[in-house]
């Protein structure tokens, strides 16, 4: 009985030298992007809808009964944390942009 091996992925593996070169090139590209100024665009539309369970007396029972019976759960919109970065432009909610500005002002002092 002979054992057979199969490879998954590219047909020819990368050599160590070419892999290191690719990592170095990626690091240089990342450094140039990181050093470029980031433009911030504020948008009120960047919100997430979350469930507010604070009005529910027994959350575990409400989860069980939720499929058949209406529960006292409220859907609220909260600002989306973080930013969507596309081509050097960061799209974020105004409250998150204000937090970012406060953090950068503190570090600048």
N, C-alpha and C. Protein backbone atom coordinates (compact mmCIF):
# COMPACT_ATOMS: atom_id res chain seq x y z
N UNK A 1 0.84 -1.17 0.00
CA UNK A 1 0.00 0.00 0.00
C UNK A 1 0.90 1.24 0.00
N UNK A 2 0.63 2.15 -0.89
CA UNK A 2 1.44 3.36 -0.97
C UNK A 2 0.63 4.55 -0.51
N UNK A 3 1.30 5.47 0.14
CA UNK A 3 0.64 6.69 0.62
C UNK A 3 0.71 7.74 -0.47
N UNK A 4 -0.38 8.43 -0.66
CA UNK A 4 -0.40 9.52 -1.64
C UNK A 4 -0.55 10.83 -0.89
N UNK A 5 0.08 11.84 -1.41
CA UNK A 5 -0.04 13.16 -0.80
C UNK A 5 -0.67 14.10 -1.80
N UNK A 6 -1.42 15.02 -1.29
CA UNK A 6 -2.02 16.03 -2.16
C UNK A 6 -1.69 17.39 -1.60
N UNK A 7 -1.52 18.33 -2.46
CA UNK A 7 -1.22 19.69 -2.03
C UNK A 7 -2.40 20.58 -2.34
N UNK A 8 -2.67 21.47 -1.43
CA UNK A 8 -3.74 22.43 -1.62
C UNK A 8 -3.09 23.80 -1.72
N UNK A 9 -3.47 24.57 -2.70
CA UNK A 9 -2.91 25.90 -2.85
C UNK A 9 -2.17 26.03 -4.16
N UNK A 10 -1.19 26.95 -4.22
CA UNK A 10 -0.49 27.17 -5.48
C UNK A 10 0.34 25.96 -5.87
N UNK A 11 0.54 25.82 -7.16
CA UNK A 11 1.28 24.66 -7.67
C UNK A 11 2.74 24.71 -7.26
N UNK A 12 3.34 25.89 -7.26
CA UNK A 12 4.74 25.98 -6.86
C UNK A 12 4.85 26.86 -5.61
N UNK A 13 5.41 26.33 -4.54
CA UNK A 13 5.53 27.12 -3.32
C UNK A 13 6.56 28.24 -3.50
N UNK A 14 6.36 29.30 -2.74
CA UNK A 14 7.28 30.44 -2.80
C UNK A 14 8.58 30.10 -2.09
N UNK A 15 9.66 30.60 -2.62
CA UNK A 15 10.93 30.42 -1.92
C UNK A 15 10.98 31.42 -0.77
N UNK A 16 11.85 31.19 0.17
CA UNK A 16 11.96 32.06 1.34
C UNK A 16 12.36 33.48 0.92
N UNK A 17 13.25 33.59 -0.05
CA UNK A 17 13.70 34.91 -0.49
C UNK A 17 12.57 35.71 -1.12
N UNK A 18 11.77 35.06 -1.97
CA UNK A 18 10.68 35.79 -2.62
C UNK A 18 9.59 36.15 -1.61
N UNK A 19 9.38 35.28 -0.63
CA UNK A 19 8.40 35.58 0.40
C UNK A 19 8.84 36.77 1.24
N UNK A 20 10.11 36.82 1.63
CA UNK A 20 10.63 37.97 2.38
C UNK A 20 10.53 39.25 1.58
N UNK A 21 10.79 39.17 0.27
CA UNK A 21 10.70 40.35 -0.59
C UNK A 21 9.26 40.86 -0.63
N UNK A 22 8.28 39.95 -0.73
CA UNK A 22 6.88 40.36 -0.75
C UNK A 22 6.48 41.01 0.57
N UNK A 23 6.96 40.47 1.68
CA UNK A 23 6.64 41.04 3.00
C UNK A 23 7.25 42.43 3.11
N UNK A 24 8.49 42.59 2.65
CA UNK A 24 9.14 43.90 2.71
C UNK A 24 8.40 44.92 1.85
N UNK A 25 7.99 44.52 0.64
CA UNK A 25 7.25 45.43 -0.24
C UNK A 25 5.92 45.83 0.39
N UNK A 26 5.24 44.86 1.00
CA UNK A 26 3.96 45.15 1.66
C UNK A 26 4.18 46.14 2.81
N UNK A 27 5.23 45.94 3.59
CA UNK A 27 5.54 46.85 4.70
C UNK A 27 5.81 48.27 4.22
N UNK A 28 6.51 48.42 3.10
CA UNK A 28 6.79 49.75 2.55
C UNK A 28 5.50 50.42 2.07
N UNK A 29 4.64 49.65 1.40
CA UNK A 29 3.37 50.22 0.95
C UNK A 29 2.51 50.63 2.13
N UNK A 30 2.48 49.81 3.17
CA UNK A 30 1.71 50.12 4.35
C UNK A 30 2.24 51.37 5.04
N UNK A 31 3.57 51.54 5.08
CA UNK A 31 4.15 52.72 5.71
C UNK A 31 3.80 53.98 4.94
N UNK A 32 3.77 53.92 3.61
CA UNK A 32 3.42 55.11 2.85
C UNK A 32 1.95 55.47 3.03
N UNK A 33 1.08 54.47 3.15
CA UNK A 33 -0.33 54.75 3.38
C UNK A 33 -0.52 55.32 4.78
N UNK A 34 0.19 54.76 5.76
CA UNK A 34 0.04 55.22 7.15
C UNK A 34 0.55 56.63 7.34
N UNK A 35 1.55 57.05 6.55
CA UNK A 35 2.10 58.38 6.74
C UNK A 35 1.30 59.43 5.98
N UNK A 36 0.44 59.03 5.07
CA UNK A 36 -0.37 59.98 4.32
C UNK A 36 -1.45 60.57 5.23
N UNK A 37 -1.80 61.84 5.04
CA UNK A 37 -2.86 62.43 5.87
C UNK A 37 -4.20 61.76 5.59
N UNK A 38 -4.97 61.58 6.63
CA UNK A 38 -6.25 60.90 6.51
C UNK A 38 -7.36 61.94 6.54
N UNK A 39 -8.17 61.95 5.51
CA UNK A 39 -9.30 62.87 5.46
C UNK A 39 -10.49 62.21 6.13
N UNK A 40 -11.22 62.95 6.96
CA UNK A 40 -12.37 62.40 7.68
C UNK A 40 -13.64 63.00 7.12
N UNK A 41 -14.57 62.12 6.74
CA UNK A 41 -15.90 62.55 6.28
C UNK A 41 -16.90 62.05 7.31
N UNK A 42 -17.65 62.99 7.89
CA UNK A 42 -18.63 62.62 8.91
C UNK A 42 -19.98 62.35 8.26
N UNK A 43 -20.63 61.28 8.71
CA UNK A 43 -21.93 60.91 8.15
C UNK A 43 -22.83 60.41 9.27
N UNK A 44 -24.00 61.02 9.37
CA UNK A 44 -24.99 60.60 10.37
C UNK A 44 -25.58 59.22 10.04
N UNK A 45 -25.38 58.77 8.81
CA UNK A 45 -25.97 57.50 8.39
C UNK A 45 -25.21 56.29 8.93
N UNK A 46 -24.02 56.48 9.47
CA UNK A 46 -23.23 55.35 9.97
C UNK A 46 -23.67 54.99 11.39
N UNK A 47 -24.76 54.25 11.46
CA UNK A 47 -25.30 53.79 12.75
C UNK A 47 -25.53 52.29 12.69
N UNK A 48 -25.57 51.68 13.86
CA UNK A 48 -25.89 50.26 13.98
C UNK A 48 -27.17 50.13 14.78
N UNK A 49 -28.01 49.20 14.41
CA UNK A 49 -29.24 48.94 15.15
C UNK A 49 -28.97 47.82 16.14
N UNK A 50 -29.20 48.11 17.41
CA UNK A 50 -28.98 47.12 18.48
C UNK A 50 -30.27 46.93 19.26
N UNK A 51 -30.36 45.82 19.95
CA UNK A 51 -31.54 45.52 20.76
C UNK A 51 -31.29 45.99 22.19
N UNK A 52 -32.28 46.70 22.75
CA UNK A 52 -32.20 47.17 24.12
C UNK A 52 -33.09 46.27 24.98
N UNK A 53 -32.46 45.47 25.82
CA UNK A 53 -33.18 44.52 26.66
C UNK A 53 -33.41 45.06 28.07
N UNK A 54 -33.19 46.35 28.31
CA UNK A 54 -33.27 46.89 29.67
C UNK A 54 -34.70 46.89 30.21
N UNK A 55 -35.71 46.87 29.36
CA UNK A 55 -37.10 46.87 29.83
C UNK A 55 -37.65 45.46 30.04
N UNK A 56 -36.83 44.44 29.81
CA UNK A 56 -37.27 43.06 29.96
C UNK A 56 -36.95 42.59 31.38
N UNK A 57 -37.95 42.03 32.05
CA UNK A 57 -37.74 41.59 33.43
C UNK A 57 -36.87 40.35 33.50
N UNK A 58 -37.11 39.39 32.59
CA UNK A 58 -36.37 38.14 32.59
C UNK A 58 -35.85 37.86 31.17
N UNK A 59 -34.62 38.29 30.86
CA UNK A 59 -34.10 38.12 29.49
C UNK A 59 -34.04 36.67 29.03
N UNK A 60 -33.71 35.73 29.91
CA UNK A 60 -33.61 34.34 29.47
C UNK A 60 -34.99 33.80 29.06
N UNK A 61 -36.01 34.15 29.82
CA UNK A 61 -37.36 33.70 29.46
C UNK A 61 -37.83 34.40 28.18
N UNK A 62 -37.48 35.68 28.03
CA UNK A 62 -37.87 36.43 26.83
C UNK A 62 -37.23 35.83 25.58
N UNK A 63 -35.98 35.39 25.68
CA UNK A 63 -35.31 34.76 24.53
C UNK A 63 -36.04 33.47 24.12
N UNK A 64 -36.46 32.70 25.09
CA UNK A 64 -37.18 31.46 24.78
C UNK A 64 -38.53 31.75 24.12
N UNK A 65 -39.24 32.73 24.64
CA UNK A 65 -40.60 33.00 24.17
C UNK A 65 -40.63 33.90 22.94
N UNK A 66 -39.51 34.45 22.56
CA UNK A 66 -39.44 35.47 21.52
C UNK A 66 -40.01 35.02 20.17
N UNK A 67 -39.84 33.75 19.82
CA UNK A 67 -40.30 33.27 18.52
C UNK A 67 -41.82 33.33 18.38
N UNK A 68 -42.55 33.14 19.48
CA UNK A 68 -44.01 33.08 19.40
C UNK A 68 -44.72 34.29 19.97
N UNK A 69 -44.10 34.97 20.92
CA UNK A 69 -44.77 36.07 21.62
C UNK A 69 -43.91 37.33 21.59
N UNK A 70 -44.59 38.45 21.43
CA UNK A 70 -43.89 39.73 21.41
C UNK A 70 -43.29 40.01 22.80
N UNK A 71 -42.03 40.45 22.82
CA UNK A 71 -41.36 40.78 24.07
C UNK A 71 -41.09 42.28 24.12
N UNK A 72 -40.76 42.77 25.28
CA UNK A 72 -40.57 44.21 25.49
C UNK A 72 -39.12 44.60 25.14
N UNK A 73 -38.73 44.32 23.91
CA UNK A 73 -37.38 44.62 23.44
C UNK A 73 -37.48 45.79 22.48
N UNK A 74 -36.61 46.76 22.67
CA UNK A 74 -36.64 47.96 21.85
C UNK A 74 -35.42 47.97 20.92
N UNK A 75 -35.60 48.36 19.67
CA UNK A 75 -34.49 48.51 18.73
C UNK A 75 -34.05 49.96 18.75
N UNK A 76 -32.78 50.18 19.03
CA UNK A 76 -32.26 51.55 19.05
C UNK A 76 -31.07 51.64 18.11
N UNK A 77 -30.80 52.84 17.65
CA UNK A 77 -29.66 53.07 16.76
C UNK A 77 -28.56 53.75 17.55
N UNK A 78 -27.35 53.18 17.47
CA UNK A 78 -26.19 53.76 18.13
C UNK A 78 -25.14 54.05 17.07
N UNK A 79 -24.26 55.04 17.31
CA UNK A 79 -23.21 55.34 16.33
C UNK A 79 -22.31 54.13 16.10
N UNK A 80 -21.96 53.91 14.85
CA UNK A 80 -21.07 52.81 14.52
C UNK A 80 -19.67 53.14 15.01
N UNK A 81 -19.05 52.21 15.73
CA UNK A 81 -17.70 52.42 16.25
C UNK A 81 -16.70 52.20 15.13
N UNK A 82 -15.63 52.95 15.15
CA UNK A 82 -14.60 52.80 14.14
C UNK A 82 -14.93 53.60 12.90
N UNK A 83 -14.24 53.27 11.82
CA UNK A 83 -14.41 54.02 10.58
C UNK A 83 -14.31 53.07 9.39
N UNK A 84 -14.89 53.49 8.30
CA UNK A 84 -14.71 52.80 7.02
C UNK A 84 -13.68 53.61 6.25
N UNK A 85 -12.53 53.03 5.95
CA UNK A 85 -11.46 53.74 5.26
C UNK A 85 -11.40 53.26 3.82
N UNK A 86 -11.59 54.20 2.89
CA UNK A 86 -11.56 53.89 1.46
C UNK A 86 -10.69 54.94 0.78
N UNK A 87 -9.60 54.50 0.15
CA UNK A 87 -8.70 55.39 -0.60
C UNK A 87 -8.26 56.60 0.20
N UNK A 88 -7.86 56.42 1.43
CA UNK A 88 -7.34 57.51 2.25
C UNK A 88 -8.41 58.42 2.83
N UNK A 89 -9.67 58.03 2.72
CA UNK A 89 -10.77 58.82 3.29
C UNK A 89 -11.45 57.95 4.34
N UNK A 90 -11.58 58.49 5.55
CA UNK A 90 -12.23 57.76 6.64
C UNK A 90 -13.65 58.28 6.80
N UNK A 91 -14.61 57.38 6.64
CA UNK A 91 -16.02 57.73 6.82
C UNK A 91 -16.41 57.27 8.22
N UNK A 92 -16.92 58.21 9.05
CA UNK A 92 -17.29 57.85 10.41
C UNK A 92 -18.42 58.73 10.92
N UNK A 93 -19.06 58.26 11.98
CA UNK A 93 -20.15 59.01 12.62
C UNK A 93 -19.55 60.23 13.31
N UNK A 94 -20.28 61.36 13.37
CA UNK A 94 -19.73 62.57 13.99
C UNK A 94 -19.26 62.40 15.44
N UNK A 95 -19.95 61.58 16.24
CA UNK A 95 -19.49 61.40 17.63
C UNK A 95 -18.17 60.65 17.67
N UNK A 96 -17.99 59.67 16.78
CA UNK A 96 -16.72 58.95 16.72
C UNK A 96 -15.60 59.85 16.20
N UNK A 97 -15.93 60.74 15.25
CA UNK A 97 -14.93 61.68 14.74
C UNK A 97 -14.49 62.64 15.84
N UNK A 98 -15.44 63.07 16.68
CA UNK A 98 -15.10 63.96 17.79
C UNK A 98 -14.18 63.24 18.79
N UNK A 99 -14.46 61.96 19.07
CA UNK A 99 -13.60 61.19 19.97
C UNK A 99 -12.18 61.09 19.40
N UNK A 100 -12.10 60.84 18.09
CA UNK A 100 -10.79 60.72 17.45
C UNK A 100 -10.02 62.03 17.52
N UNK A 101 -10.71 63.14 17.29
CA UNK A 101 -10.04 64.46 17.38
C UNK A 101 -9.55 64.74 18.79
N UNK A 102 -10.37 64.40 19.80
CA UNK A 102 -9.94 64.61 21.19
C UNK A 102 -8.69 63.77 21.50
N UNK A 103 -8.68 62.51 21.03
CA UNK A 103 -7.53 61.65 21.29
C UNK A 103 -6.27 62.19 20.62
N UNK A 104 -6.39 62.68 19.40
CA UNK A 104 -5.21 63.20 18.69
C UNK A 104 -4.73 64.50 19.30
N UNK A 105 -5.66 65.33 19.82
CA UNK A 105 -5.25 66.56 20.50
C UNK A 105 -4.49 66.26 21.77
N UNK A 106 -4.93 65.26 22.53
CA UNK A 106 -4.23 64.88 23.76
C UNK A 106 -2.83 64.37 23.46
N UNK A 107 -2.69 63.59 22.42
CA UNK A 107 -1.36 63.05 22.08
C UNK A 107 -0.44 64.13 21.54
N UNK A 108 -1.03 65.15 20.91
CA UNK A 108 -0.22 66.23 20.34
C UNK A 108 0.35 67.16 21.39
N UNK A 109 -0.27 67.22 22.55
CA UNK A 109 0.20 68.13 23.61
C UNK A 109 1.35 67.57 24.38
